[in-house]
N, C-alpha and C. Protein backbone atom coordinates (compact mmCIF):
# COMPACT_ATOMS: atom_id res chain seq x y z
N MET A 1 10.88 -104.73 190.86
CA MET A 1 10.02 -103.79 191.55
C MET A 1 10.55 -103.40 192.92
N GLU A 2 11.43 -104.23 193.49
CA GLU A 2 11.96 -103.91 194.80
C GLU A 2 12.84 -102.66 194.78
N ASN A 3 13.49 -102.37 193.67
CA ASN A 3 14.41 -101.24 193.59
C ASN A 3 13.72 -99.91 193.36
N SER A 4 12.47 -99.90 192.98
CA SER A 4 11.81 -98.63 192.65
C SER A 4 11.69 -97.69 193.85
N PRO A 5 11.40 -98.12 195.07
CA PRO A 5 11.40 -97.17 196.18
C PRO A 5 12.80 -96.59 196.45
N ASN A 6 13.85 -97.39 196.28
CA ASN A 6 15.21 -96.90 196.49
C ASN A 6 15.60 -95.88 195.44
N ILE A 7 15.17 -96.09 194.20
CA ILE A 7 15.47 -95.13 193.13
C ILE A 7 14.79 -93.80 193.43
N ALA A 8 13.55 -93.83 193.86
CA ALA A 8 12.84 -92.60 194.19
C ALA A 8 13.50 -91.90 195.38
N SER A 9 13.91 -92.66 196.34
CA SER A 9 14.58 -92.09 197.52
C SER A 9 15.93 -91.49 197.13
N ASP A 10 16.69 -92.20 196.29
CA ASP A 10 17.98 -91.68 195.83
C ASP A 10 17.79 -90.42 195.00
N ALA A 11 16.79 -90.40 194.14
CA ALA A 11 16.52 -89.21 193.33
C ALA A 11 16.13 -88.03 194.22
N GLN A 12 15.35 -88.28 195.25
CA GLN A 12 14.96 -87.22 196.17
C GLN A 12 16.17 -86.69 196.93
N ASN A 13 17.06 -87.57 197.33
CA ASN A 13 18.28 -87.15 198.02
C ASN A 13 19.16 -86.28 197.12
N ILE A 14 19.26 -86.65 195.85
CA ILE A 14 20.05 -85.87 194.90
C ILE A 14 19.44 -84.49 194.69
N VAL A 15 18.13 -84.44 194.53
CA VAL A 15 17.45 -83.16 194.36
C VAL A 15 17.62 -82.29 195.60
N ASN A 16 17.49 -82.87 196.77
CA ASN A 16 17.70 -82.11 198.01
C ASN A 16 19.12 -81.57 198.10
N LEU A 17 20.10 -82.38 197.74
CA LEU A 17 21.49 -81.96 197.79
C LEU A 17 21.74 -80.81 196.82
N ILE A 18 21.19 -80.89 195.62
CA ILE A 18 21.35 -79.82 194.63
C ILE A 18 20.72 -78.53 195.14
N LEU A 19 19.53 -78.62 195.73
CA LEU A 19 18.87 -77.42 196.25
C LEU A 19 19.63 -76.82 197.42
N ILE A 20 20.21 -77.64 198.26
CA ILE A 20 21.02 -77.14 199.38
C ILE A 20 22.23 -76.39 198.84
N TRP A 21 22.92 -76.96 197.86
CA TRP A 21 24.09 -76.30 197.29
C TRP A 21 23.72 -75.00 196.59
N LEU A 22 22.60 -74.99 195.87
CA LEU A 22 22.16 -73.75 195.21
C LEU A 22 21.84 -72.68 196.24
N GLY A 23 21.15 -73.06 197.31
CA GLY A 23 20.83 -72.10 198.36
C GLY A 23 22.07 -71.59 199.06
N PHE A 24 23.00 -72.48 199.35
CA PHE A 24 24.24 -72.12 200.01
C PHE A 24 25.06 -71.19 199.13
N GLY A 25 25.13 -71.50 197.84
CA GLY A 25 25.85 -70.66 196.88
C GLY A 25 25.23 -69.28 196.74
N THR A 26 23.90 -69.23 196.75
CA THR A 26 23.21 -67.95 196.66
C THR A 26 23.46 -67.11 197.91
N LEU A 27 23.42 -67.73 199.07
CA LEU A 27 23.69 -67.02 200.32
C LEU A 27 25.11 -66.46 200.33
N VAL A 28 26.08 -67.26 199.94
CA VAL A 28 27.47 -66.81 199.89
C VAL A 28 27.60 -65.67 198.88
N ALA A 29 26.96 -65.79 197.73
CA ALA A 29 27.03 -64.74 196.71
C ALA A 29 26.47 -63.42 197.22
N LEU A 30 25.36 -63.47 197.91
CA LEU A 30 24.76 -62.25 198.43
C LEU A 30 25.64 -61.59 199.49
N ILE A 31 26.27 -62.39 200.33
CA ILE A 31 27.16 -61.83 201.35
C ILE A 31 28.40 -61.22 200.70
N VAL A 32 28.98 -61.93 199.75
CA VAL A 32 30.17 -61.41 199.06
C VAL A 32 29.82 -60.13 198.32
N ARG A 33 28.69 -60.13 197.65
CA ARG A 33 28.29 -58.95 196.87
C ARG A 33 28.03 -57.75 197.78
N SER A 34 27.53 -57.99 198.97
CA SER A 34 27.29 -56.87 199.88
C SER A 34 28.59 -56.28 200.42
N ILE A 35 29.67 -57.05 200.40
CA ILE A 35 30.96 -56.58 200.90
C ILE A 35 31.77 -55.89 199.80
N VAL A 36 31.70 -56.39 198.58
CA VAL A 36 32.51 -55.84 197.48
C VAL A 36 31.86 -54.55 196.97
N PRO A 37 32.62 -53.45 196.99
CA PRO A 37 32.05 -52.19 196.52
C PRO A 37 32.03 -52.11 195.00
N GLY A 38 31.29 -51.16 194.50
CA GLY A 38 31.28 -50.91 193.06
C GLY A 38 30.01 -51.40 192.40
N LYS A 39 29.92 -51.04 191.13
CA LYS A 39 28.75 -51.41 190.34
C LYS A 39 28.91 -52.83 189.83
N GLU A 40 27.82 -53.55 189.85
CA GLU A 40 27.82 -54.93 189.35
C GLU A 40 27.82 -54.90 187.82
N PRO A 41 28.81 -55.52 187.16
CA PRO A 41 28.90 -55.45 185.71
C PRO A 41 27.74 -56.13 184.96
N SER A 42 27.25 -57.26 185.46
CA SER A 42 26.26 -58.00 184.68
C SER A 42 24.93 -58.25 185.38
N GLY A 43 24.84 -58.02 186.64
CA GLY A 43 23.57 -58.20 187.31
C GLY A 43 23.57 -59.32 188.33
N PRO A 44 22.39 -59.57 188.88
CA PRO A 44 22.30 -60.53 189.99
C PRO A 44 22.51 -61.99 189.57
N ILE A 45 22.15 -62.34 188.35
CA ILE A 45 22.31 -63.74 187.92
C ILE A 45 23.78 -64.13 187.90
N SER A 46 24.63 -63.24 187.38
CA SER A 46 26.06 -63.57 187.34
C SER A 46 26.63 -63.63 188.74
N THR A 47 26.16 -62.79 189.64
CA THR A 47 26.63 -62.84 191.03
C THR A 47 26.27 -64.18 191.67
N ILE A 48 25.06 -64.64 191.45
CA ILE A 48 24.64 -65.93 192.02
C ILE A 48 25.44 -67.07 191.40
N LEU A 49 25.69 -67.02 190.10
CA LEU A 49 26.49 -68.07 189.46
C LEU A 49 27.92 -68.07 189.99
N ILE A 50 28.48 -66.88 190.20
CA ILE A 50 29.82 -66.79 190.77
C ILE A 50 29.82 -67.37 192.19
N GLY A 51 28.77 -67.10 192.96
CA GLY A 51 28.66 -67.67 194.30
C GLY A 51 28.56 -69.18 194.28
N ILE A 52 27.82 -69.71 193.34
CA ILE A 52 27.69 -71.16 193.23
C ILE A 52 29.03 -71.79 192.82
N VAL A 53 29.74 -71.16 191.88
CA VAL A 53 31.06 -71.67 191.48
C VAL A 53 32.02 -71.63 192.68
N GLY A 54 32.00 -70.52 193.41
CA GLY A 54 32.86 -70.40 194.59
C GLY A 54 32.51 -71.42 195.65
N THR A 55 31.23 -71.72 195.78
CA THR A 55 30.78 -72.70 196.76
C THR A 55 31.20 -74.12 196.39
N CYS A 56 31.33 -74.38 195.12
CA CYS A 56 31.78 -75.70 194.68
C CYS A 56 33.30 -75.82 194.71
N VAL A 57 33.99 -74.78 194.24
CA VAL A 57 35.45 -74.85 194.10
C VAL A 57 36.16 -74.66 195.45
N GLY A 58 35.71 -73.70 196.27
CA GLY A 58 36.38 -73.41 197.54
C GLY A 58 36.51 -74.61 198.45
N PRO A 59 35.41 -75.27 198.81
CA PRO A 59 35.53 -76.46 199.66
C PRO A 59 36.29 -77.61 199.00
N LEU A 60 36.21 -77.70 197.67
CA LEU A 60 36.97 -78.74 196.98
C LEU A 60 38.47 -78.52 197.17
N VAL A 61 38.91 -77.28 197.02
CA VAL A 61 40.33 -76.96 197.22
C VAL A 61 40.75 -77.24 198.66
N VAL A 62 39.91 -76.85 199.61
CA VAL A 62 40.24 -77.10 201.02
C VAL A 62 40.36 -78.60 201.29
N SER A 63 39.42 -79.37 200.77
CA SER A 63 39.46 -80.81 201.04
C SER A 63 40.63 -81.49 200.35
N LEU A 64 41.05 -80.99 199.19
CA LEU A 64 42.19 -81.58 198.49
C LEU A 64 43.53 -81.15 199.08
N VAL A 65 43.64 -79.90 199.51
CA VAL A 65 44.92 -79.40 200.02
C VAL A 65 45.19 -79.90 201.43
N TRP A 66 44.22 -79.76 202.31
CA TRP A 66 44.44 -80.11 203.72
C TRP A 66 44.00 -81.52 204.06
N ARG A 67 43.31 -82.19 203.18
CA ARG A 67 42.88 -83.58 203.39
C ARG A 67 42.21 -83.78 204.75
N ILE A 68 41.21 -82.94 205.00
CA ILE A 68 40.48 -83.00 206.25
C ILE A 68 39.52 -84.19 206.20
N GLU A 69 39.57 -85.05 207.21
CA GLU A 69 38.65 -86.18 207.26
C GLU A 69 37.29 -85.71 207.74
N ASN A 70 36.25 -86.32 207.23
CA ASN A 70 34.87 -85.97 207.57
C ASN A 70 34.58 -84.49 207.36
N PHE A 71 35.11 -83.94 206.26
CA PHE A 71 34.93 -82.52 205.95
C PHE A 71 33.51 -82.29 205.45
N ASN A 72 32.82 -81.37 206.09
CA ASN A 72 31.47 -80.99 205.67
C ASN A 72 31.55 -79.64 204.97
N PRO A 73 31.34 -79.62 203.65
CA PRO A 73 31.45 -78.36 202.92
C PRO A 73 30.40 -77.33 203.34
N ILE A 74 29.29 -77.80 203.89
CA ILE A 74 28.26 -76.88 204.34
C ILE A 74 28.38 -76.77 205.86
N GLY A 75 29.47 -76.17 206.27
CA GLY A 75 29.78 -75.94 207.68
C GLY A 75 30.63 -74.68 207.77
N PRO A 76 31.15 -74.36 208.93
CA PRO A 76 31.92 -73.12 209.09
C PRO A 76 33.17 -73.05 208.19
N VAL A 77 33.95 -74.12 208.14
CA VAL A 77 35.15 -74.11 207.30
C VAL A 77 34.77 -74.07 205.82
N GLY A 78 33.75 -74.82 205.45
CA GLY A 78 33.27 -74.79 204.08
C GLY A 78 32.71 -73.43 203.69
N PHE A 79 32.02 -72.79 204.63
CA PHE A 79 31.49 -71.46 204.37
C PHE A 79 32.63 -70.46 204.14
N LEU A 80 33.66 -70.54 204.97
CA LEU A 80 34.80 -69.65 204.82
C LEU A 80 35.50 -69.89 203.48
N ALA A 81 35.69 -71.14 203.12
CA ALA A 81 36.32 -71.47 201.84
C ALA A 81 35.45 -70.98 200.68
N SER A 82 34.15 -71.16 200.79
CA SER A 82 33.23 -70.70 199.75
C SER A 82 33.27 -69.18 199.63
N PHE A 83 33.30 -68.52 200.78
CA PHE A 83 33.34 -67.06 200.80
C PHE A 83 34.60 -66.54 200.12
N VAL A 84 35.76 -67.07 200.50
CA VAL A 84 37.02 -66.61 199.94
C VAL A 84 37.09 -66.88 198.44
N CYS A 85 36.68 -68.06 198.02
CA CYS A 85 36.72 -68.40 196.60
C CYS A 85 35.73 -67.55 195.81
N SER A 86 34.54 -67.32 196.34
CA SER A 86 33.56 -66.48 195.66
C SER A 86 34.03 -65.03 195.59
N LEU A 87 34.67 -64.56 196.64
CA LEU A 87 35.23 -63.21 196.65
C LEU A 87 36.30 -63.08 195.57
N PHE A 88 37.18 -64.05 195.49
CA PHE A 88 38.22 -64.05 194.46
C PHE A 88 37.60 -64.09 193.06
N CYS A 89 36.60 -64.95 192.86
CA CYS A 89 35.95 -65.06 191.55
C CYS A 89 35.25 -63.75 191.16
N LEU A 90 34.57 -63.13 192.10
CA LEU A 90 33.87 -61.88 191.81
C LEU A 90 34.85 -60.77 191.48
N LEU A 91 35.93 -60.66 192.25
CA LEU A 91 36.93 -59.63 191.96
C LEU A 91 37.61 -59.88 190.62
N ALA A 92 37.92 -61.13 190.31
CA ALA A 92 38.52 -61.46 189.02
C ALA A 92 37.56 -61.14 187.88
N TYR A 93 36.28 -61.40 188.07
CA TYR A 93 35.27 -61.10 187.06
C TYR A 93 35.18 -59.59 186.83
N GLN A 94 35.18 -58.82 187.92
CA GLN A 94 35.09 -57.36 187.78
C GLN A 94 36.33 -56.79 187.11
N VAL A 95 37.51 -57.28 187.46
CA VAL A 95 38.74 -56.80 186.83
C VAL A 95 38.75 -57.17 185.35
N GLY A 96 38.39 -58.39 185.03
CA GLY A 96 38.33 -58.80 183.63
C GLY A 96 37.33 -57.99 182.83
N HIS A 97 36.18 -57.72 183.41
CA HIS A 97 35.15 -56.92 182.73
C HIS A 97 35.65 -55.50 182.50
N THR A 98 36.34 -54.93 183.48
CA THR A 98 36.88 -53.57 183.34
C THR A 98 37.96 -53.52 182.27
N MET A 99 38.83 -54.52 182.24
CA MET A 99 39.89 -54.54 181.23
C MET A 99 39.32 -54.66 179.82
N ILE A 100 38.30 -55.47 179.65
CA ILE A 100 37.68 -55.62 178.33
C ILE A 100 37.04 -54.33 177.90
N ASN A 101 36.34 -53.64 178.82
CA ASN A 101 35.70 -52.37 178.47
C ASN A 101 36.72 -51.30 178.12
N ARG A 102 37.83 -51.24 178.84
CA ARG A 102 38.86 -50.25 178.54
C ARG A 102 39.51 -50.53 177.19
N ARG A 103 39.68 -51.79 176.89
CA ARG A 103 40.28 -52.15 175.59
C ARG A 103 39.34 -51.74 174.46
N ARG A 104 38.04 -51.89 174.66
CA ARG A 104 37.06 -51.49 173.64
C ARG A 104 37.05 -49.98 173.44
N GLU A 105 37.29 -49.22 174.51
CA GLU A 105 37.33 -47.76 174.39
C GLU A 105 38.49 -47.29 173.55
N TYR A 106 39.63 -47.98 173.64
CA TYR A 106 40.81 -47.58 172.88
C TYR A 106 40.76 -48.02 171.43
N ASP A 107 39.97 -49.01 171.11
CA ASP A 107 39.89 -49.49 169.71
C ASP A 107 39.01 -48.63 168.86
């Protein structure tokens, strides 16, 4: 019975961390989407998912490549890494979507 308060506290910390990352990814996605011109191929859900992927992958790459000690992914450097990775993911998604549509037109 002694461990039950710690389990609840750990679960709450995990839920808080997930919500912070989702919010951070959504914010990055909205900023990237406001900068990238053109029509959105699939809608807002895909933009948010791309932002969340960029928010996870960008800071991971930064922390692995530069081996920054005490790196906080939800900080200025993490935001920049998330932004660049989300921008790359969104542009790659749009290019891929355009190529698939053009290929369908020729078939």
